[in-house]
């Protein structure tokens, strides 16, 4: 994987893991630095990532099927699951509940 160029935005951190949005994907990198690893490849542009309290999941907003909705996925990468069906453009995750 080459170097990621672009604007690194909306970082979230848990322990040694940082997840951030860049261009059209979510990326993960160690807080110590290193090469970032791409986590998403969906057609919509993901934004506003939020790591879960235990660091195992990421909630994020994306427009995969039209309006902005909230999705979750494993922090290590893998398939996402759509959580909301609001159909409004201002939807985004803010925080996780204490029980995840």
N, C-alpha and C. Protein backbone atom coordinates (compact mmCIF):
# COMPACT_ATOMS: atom_id res chain seq x y z
N UNK A 1 0.85 -1.17 0.00
CA UNK A 1 0.00 0.00 0.00
C UNK A 1 0.89 1.23 0.00
N UNK A 2 0.53 2.19 -0.79
CA UNK A 2 1.30 3.42 -0.86
C UNK A 2 0.87 4.40 0.21
N UNK A 3 1.47 5.56 0.18
CA UNK A 3 1.15 6.62 1.11
C UNK A 3 -0.20 7.21 0.77
N UNK A 4 -1.01 7.49 1.79
CA UNK A 4 -2.32 8.10 1.59
C UNK A 4 -2.15 9.61 1.53
N UNK A 5 -2.59 10.20 0.45
CA UNK A 5 -2.52 11.65 0.28
C UNK A 5 -3.94 12.20 0.41
N UNK A 6 -4.06 13.38 0.93
CA UNK A 6 -5.37 14.00 1.03
C UNK A 6 -5.53 14.65 2.38
N UNK A 7 -6.76 14.90 2.70
CA UNK A 7 -7.08 15.54 3.97
C UNK A 7 -7.48 14.47 4.98
N UNK A 8 -6.77 14.41 6.10
CA UNK A 8 -7.08 13.46 7.17
C UNK A 8 -8.03 14.18 8.12
N UNK A 9 -9.24 13.69 8.27
CA UNK A 9 -10.24 14.40 9.07
C UNK A 9 -10.93 13.47 10.05
N UNK A 10 -11.59 14.06 11.01
CA UNK A 10 -12.49 13.39 11.94
C UNK A 10 -11.86 12.18 12.64
N UNK A 11 -10.70 12.35 13.26
CA UNK A 11 -10.06 11.21 13.92
C UNK A 11 -10.81 10.78 15.18
N UNK A 12 -10.75 9.49 15.47
CA UNK A 12 -11.25 8.92 16.71
C UNK A 12 -10.15 7.99 17.20
N UNK A 13 -9.98 7.89 18.52
CA UNK A 13 -8.88 7.09 19.06
C UNK A 13 -9.37 6.23 20.22
N UNK A 14 -8.82 5.05 20.31
CA UNK A 14 -9.04 4.14 21.44
C UNK A 14 -7.73 3.39 21.64
N UNK A 15 -7.13 3.56 22.81
CA UNK A 15 -5.84 2.89 23.07
C UNK A 15 -4.81 3.33 22.05
N UNK A 16 -4.27 2.38 21.31
CA UNK A 16 -3.24 2.65 20.32
C UNK A 16 -3.81 2.76 18.90
N UNK A 17 -5.12 2.72 18.76
CA UNK A 17 -5.75 2.72 17.44
C UNK A 17 -6.37 4.06 17.10
N UNK A 18 -6.01 4.60 15.94
CA UNK A 18 -6.63 5.80 15.42
C UNK A 18 -7.36 5.44 14.13
N UNK A 19 -8.61 5.88 14.02
CA UNK A 19 -9.39 5.73 12.79
C UNK A 19 -9.73 7.13 12.32
N UNK A 20 -9.60 7.37 11.02
CA UNK A 20 -9.89 8.69 10.48
C UNK A 20 -10.48 8.57 9.08
N UNK A 21 -11.12 9.64 8.64
CA UNK A 21 -11.65 9.71 7.29
C UNK A 21 -10.63 10.40 6.40
N UNK A 22 -10.47 9.90 5.19
CA UNK A 22 -9.58 10.52 4.21
C UNK A 22 -10.14 10.22 2.83
N UNK A 23 -10.42 11.29 2.08
CA UNK A 23 -10.95 11.17 0.74
C UNK A 23 -12.24 10.34 0.76
N UNK A 24 -12.30 9.14 0.27
CA UNK A 24 -13.55 8.38 0.19
C UNK A 24 -13.53 7.12 1.05
N UNK A 25 -12.76 7.11 2.14
CA UNK A 25 -12.66 5.89 2.94
C UNK A 25 -12.35 6.20 4.39
N UNK A 26 -12.52 5.18 5.23
CA UNK A 26 -12.02 5.21 6.61
C UNK A 26 -10.71 4.46 6.62
N UNK A 27 -9.76 4.95 7.41
CA UNK A 27 -8.43 4.37 7.52
C UNK A 27 -8.09 4.15 8.98
N UNK A 28 -7.20 3.19 9.24
CA UNK A 28 -6.77 2.88 10.60
C UNK A 28 -5.24 2.93 10.64
N UNK A 29 -4.70 3.50 11.73
CA UNK A 29 -3.26 3.55 11.91
C UNK A 29 -2.96 3.49 13.40
N UNK A 30 -1.78 3.04 13.75
CA UNK A 30 -1.35 3.02 15.13
C UNK A 30 -1.07 4.44 15.60
N UNK A 31 -1.34 4.71 16.87
CA UNK A 31 -1.04 6.03 17.44
C UNK A 31 0.47 6.28 17.42
N UNK A 32 1.27 5.22 17.33
CA UNK A 32 2.72 5.36 17.26
C UNK A 32 3.19 5.74 15.85
N UNK A 33 2.27 5.70 14.89
CA UNK A 33 2.62 6.02 13.51
C UNK A 33 2.65 4.78 12.65
N UNK A 34 3.14 4.92 11.45
CA UNK A 34 3.21 3.79 10.53
C UNK A 34 2.33 4.00 9.32
N UNK A 35 2.12 2.94 8.58
CA UNK A 35 1.32 2.99 7.36
C UNK A 35 -0.15 2.78 7.72
N UNK A 36 -1.01 3.65 7.22
CA UNK A 36 -2.45 3.52 7.44
C UNK A 36 -3.01 2.40 6.58
N UNK A 37 -4.03 1.73 7.11
CA UNK A 37 -4.69 0.62 6.41
C UNK A 37 -6.12 1.02 6.09
N UNK A 38 -6.52 0.88 4.86
CA UNK A 38 -7.88 1.23 4.43
C UNK A 38 -8.87 0.22 5.00
N UNK A 39 -9.97 0.74 5.59
CA UNK A 39 -10.98 -0.12 6.20
C UNK A 39 -12.25 -0.25 5.36
N UNK A 40 -12.60 0.76 4.59
CA UNK A 40 -13.87 0.73 3.86
C UNK A 40 -13.65 0.83 2.36
N UNK A 41 -14.57 0.20 1.62
CA UNK A 41 -14.55 0.26 0.16
C UNK A 41 -15.95 0.43 -0.40
N UNK A 42 -16.91 0.81 0.44
CA UNK A 42 -18.30 0.96 0.02
C UNK A 42 -18.43 2.13 -0.96
N UNK A 43 -19.54 2.16 -1.71
CA UNK A 43 -19.71 3.22 -2.71
C UNK A 43 -19.89 4.62 -2.10
N UNK A 44 -20.45 4.73 -0.90
CA UNK A 44 -20.66 6.02 -0.26
C UNK A 44 -19.39 6.50 0.43
N UNK A 45 -19.30 7.79 0.68
CA UNK A 45 -18.15 8.34 1.38
C UNK A 45 -18.41 8.32 2.88
N UNK A 46 -17.66 7.54 3.65
CA UNK A 46 -17.88 7.47 5.09
C UNK A 46 -17.31 8.70 5.80
N UNK A 47 -17.93 9.05 6.91
CA UNK A 47 -17.46 10.18 7.71
C UNK A 47 -17.87 10.00 9.16
N UNK A 48 -17.34 10.85 10.02
CA UNK A 48 -17.65 10.88 11.45
C UNK A 48 -17.46 9.53 12.14
N UNK A 49 -16.30 8.88 11.99
CA UNK A 49 -16.09 7.61 12.69
C UNK A 49 -16.02 7.81 14.20
N UNK A 50 -16.56 6.83 14.94
CA UNK A 50 -16.51 6.83 16.41
C UNK A 50 -16.20 5.41 16.85
N UNK A 51 -15.04 5.21 17.50
CA UNK A 51 -14.70 3.88 18.02
C UNK A 51 -15.54 3.57 19.25
N UNK A 52 -15.93 2.32 19.39
CA UNK A 52 -16.73 1.88 20.54
C UNK A 52 -15.90 1.94 21.82
N UNK A 53 -16.56 1.92 22.99
CA UNK A 53 -15.84 2.00 24.27
C UNK A 53 -14.79 0.90 24.45
N UNK A 54 -15.03 -0.29 23.86
CA UNK A 54 -14.05 -1.36 23.99
C UNK A 54 -13.08 -1.42 22.81
N UNK A 55 -13.26 -0.52 21.83
CA UNK A 55 -12.36 -0.44 20.69
C UNK A 55 -12.54 -1.50 19.63
N UNK A 56 -13.61 -2.30 19.70
CA UNK A 56 -13.78 -3.39 18.75
C UNK A 56 -14.64 -3.04 17.55
N UNK A 57 -15.41 -1.93 17.61
CA UNK A 57 -16.31 -1.56 16.52
C UNK A 57 -16.18 -0.07 16.20
N UNK A 58 -16.58 0.27 15.01
CA UNK A 58 -16.60 1.66 14.56
C UNK A 58 -18.01 1.98 14.09
N UNK A 59 -18.57 3.07 14.58
CA UNK A 59 -19.80 3.61 14.02
C UNK A 59 -19.39 4.76 13.11
N UNK A 60 -20.09 4.92 12.00
CA UNK A 60 -19.76 6.01 11.07
C UNK A 60 -20.99 6.35 10.23
N UNK A 61 -20.97 7.50 9.62
CA UNK A 61 -22.04 7.92 8.72
C UNK A 61 -21.59 7.72 7.28
N UNK A 62 -22.55 7.38 6.40
CA UNK A 62 -22.23 7.24 4.98
C UNK A 62 -23.51 7.37 4.16
N UNK A 63 -23.31 7.69 2.90
CA UNK A 63 -24.42 7.80 1.95
C UNK A 63 -24.38 6.64 0.98
N UNK A 64 -24.34 5.42 1.45
CA UNK A 64 -24.24 4.25 0.58
C UNK A 64 -25.49 4.07 -0.27
N UNK A 65 -26.65 4.43 0.27
CA UNK A 65 -27.91 4.19 -0.43
C UNK A 65 -28.76 5.45 -0.53
N UNK A 66 -28.14 6.61 -0.65
CA UNK A 66 -28.88 7.87 -0.74
C UNK A 66 -28.57 8.79 0.40
N UNK A 67 -29.56 9.06 1.28
CA UNK A 67 -29.33 9.97 2.42
C UNK A 67 -28.31 9.40 3.41
N UNK A 68 -27.74 10.28 4.21
CA UNK A 68 -26.75 9.89 5.22
C UNK A 68 -27.42 8.98 6.26
N UNK A 69 -26.80 7.86 6.56
CA UNK A 69 -27.27 6.91 7.57
C UNK A 69 -26.09 6.47 8.42
N UNK A 70 -26.35 5.81 9.56
CA UNK A 70 -25.30 5.33 10.46
C UNK A 70 -25.08 3.84 10.24
N UNK A 71 -23.82 3.46 10.15
CA UNK A 71 -23.40 2.08 9.97
C UNK A 71 -22.41 1.71 11.07
N UNK A 72 -22.23 0.42 11.33
CA UNK A 72 -21.15 -0.05 12.20
C UNK A 72 -20.37 -1.11 11.44
N UNK A 73 -19.14 -1.30 11.89
CA UNK A 73 -18.28 -2.34 11.33
C UNK A 73 -17.24 -2.74 12.36
N UNK A 74 -16.63 -3.92 12.22
CA UNK A 74 -15.54 -4.28 13.12
C UNK A 74 -14.37 -3.32 12.95
N UNK A 75 -13.72 -2.97 14.04
CA UNK A 75 -12.57 -2.06 13.97
C UNK A 75 -11.41 -2.67 13.20
N UNK A 76 -11.35 -3.98 13.14
CA UNK A 76 -10.29 -4.66 12.40
C UNK A 76 -10.59 -4.72 10.91
N UNK A 77 -11.77 -4.24 10.50
CA UNK A 77 -12.19 -4.31 9.11
C UNK A 77 -13.22 -5.41 8.93
N UNK A 78 -13.95 -5.34 7.87
CA UNK A 78 -14.98 -6.34 7.59
C UNK A 78 -16.27 -5.68 7.15
N UNK A 79 -17.31 -6.48 6.96
CA UNK A 79 -18.57 -5.94 6.46
C UNK A 79 -19.23 -4.99 7.45
N UNK A 80 -19.93 -4.00 6.90
CA UNK A 80 -20.64 -3.04 7.75
C UNK A 80 -22.11 -3.43 7.85
N UNK A 81 -22.76 -2.87 8.86
CA UNK A 81 -24.18 -3.11 9.09
C UNK A 81 -24.87 -1.75 9.24
N UNK A 82 -25.92 -1.55 8.50
CA UNK A 82 -26.67 -0.30 8.57
C UNK A 82 -27.54 -0.31 9.82
N UNK A 83 -27.47 0.78 10.62
CA UNK A 83 -28.23 0.87 11.86
C UNK A 83 -29.46 1.76 11.75
N UNK A 84 -29.41 2.80 10.92
CA UNK A 84 -30.52 3.74 10.85
C UNK A 84 -31.18 3.73 9.48
N UNK A 85 -32.41 4.20 9.46
CA UNK A 85 -33.19 4.34 8.22
C UNK A 85 -33.97 5.64 8.31
N UNK A 86 -33.29 6.71 8.69
CA UNK A 86 -33.96 8.00 8.90
C UNK A 86 -34.28 8.71 7.59
N UNK A 87 -33.42 8.59 6.60
CA UNK A 87 -33.65 9.25 5.33
C UNK A 87 -33.43 10.75 5.35
N UNK A 88 -32.60 11.22 6.26
CA UNK A 88 -32.30 12.66 6.32
C UNK A 88 -30.79 12.86 6.16
N UNK A 89 -30.40 14.00 5.64
CA UNK A 89 -28.99 14.24 5.35
C UNK A 89 -28.14 14.56 6.58
N UNK A 90 -28.73 14.91 7.70
CA UNK A 90 -27.97 15.34 8.88
C UNK A 90 -27.71 14.23 9.89
N UNK A 91 -27.81 12.98 9.49
CA UNK A 91 -27.60 11.86 10.40
C UNK A 91 -26.11 11.58 10.57
N UNK A 92 -25.67 11.41 11.83
CA UNK A 92 -24.28 11.03 12.10
C UNK A 92 -24.18 10.47 13.52
N UNK A 93 -23.24 9.54 13.75
CA UNK A 93 -23.04 9.05 15.11
C UNK A 93 -22.33 10.11 15.94
N UNK A 94 -22.64 10.13 17.24
CA UNK A 94 -22.03 11.10 18.14
C UNK A 94 -21.22 10.36 19.21
N UNK A 95 -21.78 9.31 19.77
CA UNK A 95 -21.11 8.55 20.83
C UNK A 95 -21.77 7.18 20.94
N UNK A 96 -21.09 6.29 21.63
CA UNK A 96 -21.63 4.96 21.91
C UNK A 96 -22.27 4.97 23.29
N UNK A 97 -23.27 4.14 23.51
CA UNK A 97 -23.80 3.96 24.85
C UNK A 97 -22.77 3.14 25.64
N UNK A 98 -22.86 3.19 26.95
CA UNK A 98 -21.90 2.48 27.81
C UNK A 98 -21.88 0.97 27.52
N UNK A 99 -23.01 0.42 27.13
CA UNK A 99 -23.07 -1.03 26.86
C UNK A 99 -22.82 -1.37 25.39
N UNK A 100 -22.40 -0.38 24.61
CA UNK A 100 -22.07 -0.62 23.22
C UNK A 100 -23.25 -0.50 22.30
